[in-house]
Amino acid sequence: MPDIPMTTVVLLCTASLAAGWIDAVVGGGGLLLLPALLLGLPASTPAAWALGTNKATAIVGTTGAAVTYARKAPVEVGTAVRIGLAALAGSSAGAFFAAGMSTDVLKPVIMVVLLGVAAFVILRPAFGRAPAAGPATRRQKLAAVGLAGLGIGFYDGLIGPGTGTFLVLALTAVLRLDLVTASATAKIVNCCTNAGALAMFAWQGTVLWKLAALLAVFNLAGGTLGARTALKQGSGFVRVVLLTVVFALVANLAYEQWIA
């Protein structure tokens, strides 16, 4: 592990705790933790090490949140795992195409989509507040595998930021879930995609395991607390956090596109 000042370690642990909480509630924790790692690690550290360490940290918090949700939220684990496996395949394909494609072309499109999503959520106050009257049909489940699994998984491999948030939105829209159950389902899907990505980073040897183990403790605490907060506060609270993360994601993409 590189030599990191204690004050930086404390800040990274704080960022990991906050990222775990945000990710558990509505996704998007990587928007906080990954930049923190890129800034906190020595300048000579390759970016791949930050990416690998981020995944090794996040998978622990995501798993903790998924377990907490599964105990108290009405999650169809089988459906979530099938979507997760599709997302794993989609992210692999996205990563393959990412090597020969400029993501700068796609970022403005993603920003427009996100702003459209924010407008939809604001103008539809009832969106995600209550689940559908009955269980999801076979057609809805297949659509979720295609859109939330293959489609968003492909986006995760191609660009990445905000994947968890997109999953929550897609699962709410397609399976007619309330936002809390959609967040719970998204955590199980994230476990599948994170496992695939972590396996690749570990195989490449680009994970700072000691730092990741420390940050994972805080990420797990944040993820567990975030899941409990979402379960306690309900879909209205998740909706507010969702809009906050969407606007933060748009700002992040805009900064990367036109300022950085």
Protein backbone atom coordinates (compact mmCIF):
# COMPACT_ATOMS: atom_id res chain seq x y z
CA MET A 1 0.00 0.00 0.00
CA PRO A 2 1.39 3.46 -0.83
CA ASP A 3 2.35 5.85 1.93
CA ILE A 4 -0.79 7.88 2.69
CA PRO A 5 -0.99 10.58 5.41
CA MET A 6 -3.26 9.72 8.35
CA THR A 7 -5.47 12.75 7.68
CA THR A 8 -6.06 11.48 4.14
CA VAL A 9 -6.89 8.01 5.44
CA VAL A 10 -9.47 9.53 7.80
CA LEU A 11 -11.02 11.51 4.93
CA LEU A 12 -11.13 8.39 2.74
CA CYS A 13 -12.85 6.45 5.53
CA THR A 14 -15.41 9.24 5.90
CA ALA A 15 -16.01 9.28 2.15
CA SER A 16 -16.42 5.49 2.18
CA LEU A 17 -19.00 5.69 4.97
CA ALA A 18 -21.00 8.37 3.14
CA ALA A 19 -20.71 6.54 -0.19
CA GLY A 20 -22.05 3.34 1.38
CA TRP A 21 -25.06 5.22 2.75
CA ILE A 22 -25.84 6.95 -0.57
CA ASP A 23 -25.36 3.75 -2.56
CA ALA A 24 -27.70 1.79 -0.29
CA VAL A 25 -30.48 4.37 -0.48
CA VAL A 26 -30.52 5.06 -4.20
CA GLY A 27 -27.21 4.10 -5.85
CA GLY A 28 -24.44 6.41 -7.00
CA GLY A 29 -22.01 6.00 -4.11
CA GLY A 30 -19.15 5.68 -6.57
CA LEU A 31 -19.66 9.36 -7.45
CA LEU A 32 -18.19 10.14 -4.02
CA LEU A 33 -15.74 7.33 -3.25
CA LEU A 34 -13.95 7.03 -6.59
CA PRO A 35 -13.05 10.75 -6.87
CA ALA A 36 -11.93 10.63 -3.23
CA LEU A 37 -9.57 7.75 -4.03
CA LEU A 38 -8.25 9.47 -7.14
CA LEU A 39 -7.48 12.58 -5.08
CA GLY A 40 -6.27 10.80 -1.95
CA LEU A 41 -3.83 8.31 -3.46
CA PRO A 42 -0.35 9.55 -4.43
CA ALA A 43 -0.26 11.24 -7.84
CA SER A 44 1.97 8.49 -9.22
CA THR A 45 -0.66 5.81 -8.52
CA PRO A 46 -2.25 4.52 -11.77
CA ALA A 47 -6.01 5.14 -12.04
CA ALA A 48 -6.62 1.40 -12.39
CA TRP A 49 -5.58 0.94 -8.75
CA ALA A 50 -8.21 3.45 -7.62
CA LEU A 51 -10.84 1.68 -9.72
CA GLY A 52 -9.92 -1.74 -8.35
CA THR A 53 -9.79 -0.53 -4.74
CA ASN A 54 -13.15 1.20 -5.20
CA LYS A 55 -14.77 -2.06 -6.38
CA ALA A 56 -13.21 -4.10 -3.57
CA THR A 57 -14.60 -1.58 -1.08
CA ALA A 58 -18.02 -1.10 -2.65
CA ILE A 59 -18.88 -4.78 -2.98
CA VAL A 60 -18.76 -5.17 0.81
CA GLY A 61 -21.12 -2.25 1.46
CA THR A 62 -23.41 -3.35 -1.37
CA THR A 63 -23.61 -6.88 0.02
CA GLY A 64 -24.38 -5.58 3.52
CA ALA A 65 -27.14 -3.36 2.15
CA ALA A 66 -28.54 -6.23 0.04
CA VAL A 67 -28.71 -8.53 3.09
CA THR A 68 -30.39 -5.82 5.19
CA TYR A 69 -32.96 -5.14 2.47
CA ALA A 70 -33.61 -8.84 1.78
CA ARG A 71 -34.56 -9.42 5.41
CA LYS A 72 -37.23 -6.70 5.51
CA ALA A 73 -38.20 -5.71 1.95
CA PRO A 74 -40.35 -7.86 -0.38
CA VAL A 75 -37.53 -8.65 -2.83
CA GLU A 76 -37.75 -11.43 -5.43
CA VAL A 77 -34.17 -12.65 -5.08
CA GLY A 78 -34.42 -15.02 -8.07
CA THR A 79 -35.52 -12.23 -10.41
CA ALA A 80 -32.83 -9.92 -9.05
CA VAL A 81 -30.11 -12.54 -9.60
CA ARG A 82 -31.27 -13.17 -13.19
CA ILE A 83 -31.14 -9.43 -13.88
CA GLY A 84 -27.72 -9.32 -12.22
CA LEU A 85 -26.33 -12.10 -14.42
CA ALA A 86 -27.66 -10.30 -17.51
CA ALA A 87 -26.05 -7.09 -16.27
CA LEU A 88 -22.76 -8.92 -15.82
CA ALA A 89 -22.91 -10.05 -19.45
CA GLY A 90 -23.94 -6.56 -20.57
CA SER A 91 -21.11 -4.85 -18.67
CA SER A 92 -18.57 -7.23 -20.21
CA ALA A 93 -19.83 -6.30 -23.68
CA GLY A 94 -19.80 -2.60 -22.78
CA ALA A 95 -16.21 -2.83 -21.56
CA PHE A 96 -15.24 -4.54 -24.82
CA PHE A 97 -16.71 -1.74 -26.95
CA ALA A 98 -15.38 0.97 -24.63
CA ALA A 99 -11.85 0.32 -25.87
CA GLY A 100 -12.68 1.66 -29.32
CA MET A 101 -15.34 4.27 -28.57
CA SER A 102 -15.10 7.84 -27.32
CA THR A 103 -17.42 8.21 -24.34
CA ASP A 104 -17.26 12.01 -24.74
CA VAL A 105 -19.84 11.61 -27.50
CA LEU A 106 -22.24 9.78 -25.20
CA LYS A 107 -21.93 11.90 -22.05
CA PRO A 108 -24.12 14.79 -23.35
CA VAL A 109 -26.78 12.24 -24.32
CA ILE A 110 -26.68 10.71 -20.84
CA MET A 111 -27.02 14.18 -19.29
CA VAL A 112 -30.13 14.90 -21.36
CA VAL A 113 -31.60 11.53 -20.37
CA LEU A 114 -30.90 12.21 -16.69
CA LEU A 115 -32.50 15.65 -16.83
CA GLY A 116 -35.51 14.09 -18.53
CA VAL A 117 -35.68 11.49 -15.76
CA ALA A 118 -35.49 14.22 -13.10
CA ALA A 119 -38.31 16.14 -14.78
CA PHE A 120 -40.42 12.96 -14.95
CA VAL A 121 -39.90 12.18 -11.25
CA ILE A 122 -40.67 15.79 -10.24
CA LEU A 123 -43.82 15.98 -12.39
CA ARG A 124 -45.03 12.54 -11.27
CA PRO A 125 -45.12 12.74 -7.45
CA ALA A 126 -46.68 9.29 -7.23
CA PHE A 127 -43.80 7.62 -9.12
CA GLY A 128 -42.37 4.83 -6.99
CA ARG A 129 -44.47 5.58 -3.92
CA ALA A 130 -46.52 2.38 -4.00
CA PRO A 131 -45.99 -1.06 -5.56
CA ALA A 132 -48.22 -2.54 -8.25
CA ALA A 133 -51.38 -4.32 -7.18
CA GLY A 134 -50.06 -7.76 -8.19
CA PRO A 135 -46.79 -9.58 -8.88
CA ALA A 136 -44.78 -8.75 -11.99
CA THR A 137 -45.76 -10.64 -15.12
CA ARG A 138 -43.36 -12.80 -17.13
CA ARG A 139 -43.22 -10.10 -19.82
CA GLN A 140 -42.29 -7.45 -17.24
CA LYS A 141 -39.55 -9.68 -15.83
CA LEU A 142 -38.11 -10.30 -19.31
CA ALA A 143 -38.21 -6.56 -20.00
CA ALA A 144 -36.36 -5.95 -16.73
CA VAL A 145 -33.68 -8.48 -17.69
CA GLY A 146 -33.30 -6.76 -21.07
CA LEU A 147 -33.37 -3.12 -19.92
CA ALA A 148 -32.03 -3.18 -16.36
CA GLY A 149 -29.76 -6.16 -16.98
CA LEU A 150 -28.30 -6.10 -20.48
CA GLY A 151 -28.96 -2.42 -21.25
CA ILE A 152 -27.77 -0.78 -18.04
CA GLY A 153 -25.08 -3.42 -17.65
CA PHE A 154 -23.76 -2.40 -21.07
CA TYR A 155 -23.79 1.25 -19.95
CA ASP A 156 -21.90 0.27 -16.78
CA GLY A 157 -19.11 -1.29 -18.81
CA LEU A 158 -19.06 1.52 -21.38
CA ILE A 159 -19.26 4.60 -19.13
CA GLY A 160 -20.26 3.63 -15.58
CA PRO A 161 -21.27 6.62 -13.39
CA GLY A 162 -24.78 6.40 -11.95
CA THR A 163 -25.41 2.75 -12.80
CA GLY A 164 -27.09 2.09 -9.45
CA THR A 165 -29.37 5.09 -9.90
CA PHE A 166 -30.36 3.98 -13.40
CA LEU A 167 -31.12 0.51 -12.03
CA VAL A 168 -33.46 1.92 -9.38
CA LEU A 169 -35.31 3.99 -11.98
CA ALA A 170 -35.59 1.13 -14.48
CA LEU A 171 -36.78 -1.40 -11.90
CA THR A 172 -39.35 1.05 -10.57
CA ALA A 173 -40.68 1.76 -14.08
CA VAL A 174 -40.61 -1.76 -15.55
CA LEU A 175 -41.52 -3.96 -12.57
CA ARG A 176 -43.78 -1.28 -10.99
CA LEU A 177 -41.90 -1.49 -7.71
CA ASP A 178 -41.92 1.14 -5.01
CA LEU A 179 -38.60 2.97 -4.69
CA VAL A 180 -37.56 1.12 -1.52
CA THR A 181 -38.06 -2.33 -3.09
CA ALA A 182 -36.40 -1.13 -6.30
CA SER A 183 -33.36 0.00 -4.28
CA ALA A 184 -33.28 -3.38 -2.55
CA THR A 185 -33.43 -5.25 -5.87
CA ALA A 186 -30.78 -2.97 -7.37
CA LYS A 187 -28.37 -3.88 -4.55
CA ILE A 188 -28.57 -7.58 -5.44
CA VAL A 189 -27.98 -6.74 -9.11
CA ASN A 190 -25.02 -4.56 -8.08
CA CYS A 191 -23.52 -7.45 -6.13
CA CYS A 192 -23.39 -9.48 -9.36
CA THR A 193 -21.84 -6.72 -11.46
CA ASN A 194 -19.38 -5.70 -8.75
CA ALA A 195 -18.24 -9.30 -8.35
CA GLY A 196 -17.48 -9.56 -12.07
CA ALA A 197 -15.58 -6.28 -12.12
CA LEU A 198 -13.64 -7.10 -8.93
CA ALA A 199 -12.60 -10.47 -10.32
CA MET A 200 -11.10 -8.73 -13.35
CA PHE A 201 -9.27 -6.12 -11.24
CA ALA A 202 -7.98 -8.82 -8.88
CA TRP A 203 -6.74 -10.89 -11.83
CA GLN A 204 -4.92 -7.81 -13.14
CA GLY A 205 -3.44 -7.18 -9.67
CA THR A 206 -4.77 -3.62 -9.42
CA VAL A 207 -6.36 -3.69 -5.94
CA LEU A 208 -4.84 -2.10 -2.83
CA TRP A 209 -6.18 -4.82 -0.54
CA LYS A 210 -5.10 -3.36 2.83
CA LEU A 211 -6.64 0.03 2.08
CA ALA A 212 -9.74 -1.62 0.60
CA ALA A 213 -10.20 -3.75 3.73
CA LEU A 214 -10.12 -0.65 5.94
CA LEU A 215 -12.47 1.35 3.74
CA ALA A 216 -14.79 -1.66 3.39
CA VAL A 217 -15.51 -1.60 7.13
CA PHE A 218 -16.81 1.97 6.85
CA ASN A 219 -18.60 1.26 3.57
CA LEU A 220 -20.36 -1.71 5.16
CA ALA A 221 -21.47 0.46 8.09
CA GLY A 222 -22.74 3.13 5.70
CA GLY A 223 -24.50 0.60 3.47
CA THR A 224 -26.25 -1.11 6.36
CA LEU A 225 -27.30 2.23 7.88
CA GLY A 226 -28.50 3.50 4.49
CA ALA A 227 -30.66 0.44 3.92
CA ARG A 228 -32.20 0.77 7.37
CA THR A 229 -32.82 4.49 6.81
CA ALA A 230 -34.57 3.82 3.48
CA LEU A 231 -36.71 1.08 5.02
CA LYS A 232 -37.67 3.34 7.92
CA GLN A 233 -38.27 6.59 6.00
CA GLY A 234 -40.01 5.05 2.98
CA SER A 235 -40.26 5.90 -0.71
CA GLY A 236 -40.80 9.65 -0.22
CA PHE A 237 -37.39 9.97 1.40
CA VAL A 238 -35.75 7.81 -1.28
CA ARG A 239 -37.33 10.03 -3.94
CA VAL A 240 -35.64 13.15 -2.50
CA VAL A 241 -32.25 11.41 -2.35
CA LEU A 242 -32.79 10.08 -5.88
CA LEU A 243 -33.31 13.57 -7.31
CA THR A 244 -30.27 14.87 -5.41
CA VAL A 245 -28.06 12.11 -6.83
CA VAL A 246 -29.41 12.59 -10.36
CA PHE A 247 -28.52 16.30 -10.34
CA ALA A 248 -25.11 15.50 -8.81
CA LEU A 249 -24.50 12.99 -11.59
CA VAL A 250 -25.43 15.55 -14.27
CA ALA A 251 -23.05 18.06 -12.68
CA ASN A 252 -20.28 15.46 -12.54
CA LEU A 253 -20.69 14.48 -16.20
CA ALA A 254 -20.85 18.14 -17.26
CA TYR A 255 -17.63 18.85 -15.37
CA GLU A 256 -15.85 15.90 -17.00
CA GLN A 257 -17.16 16.86 -20.44
CA TRP A 258 -16.48 20.60 -20.55
CA ILE A 259 -14.25 21.64 -17.64
CA ALA A 260 -11.84 18.90 -16.59
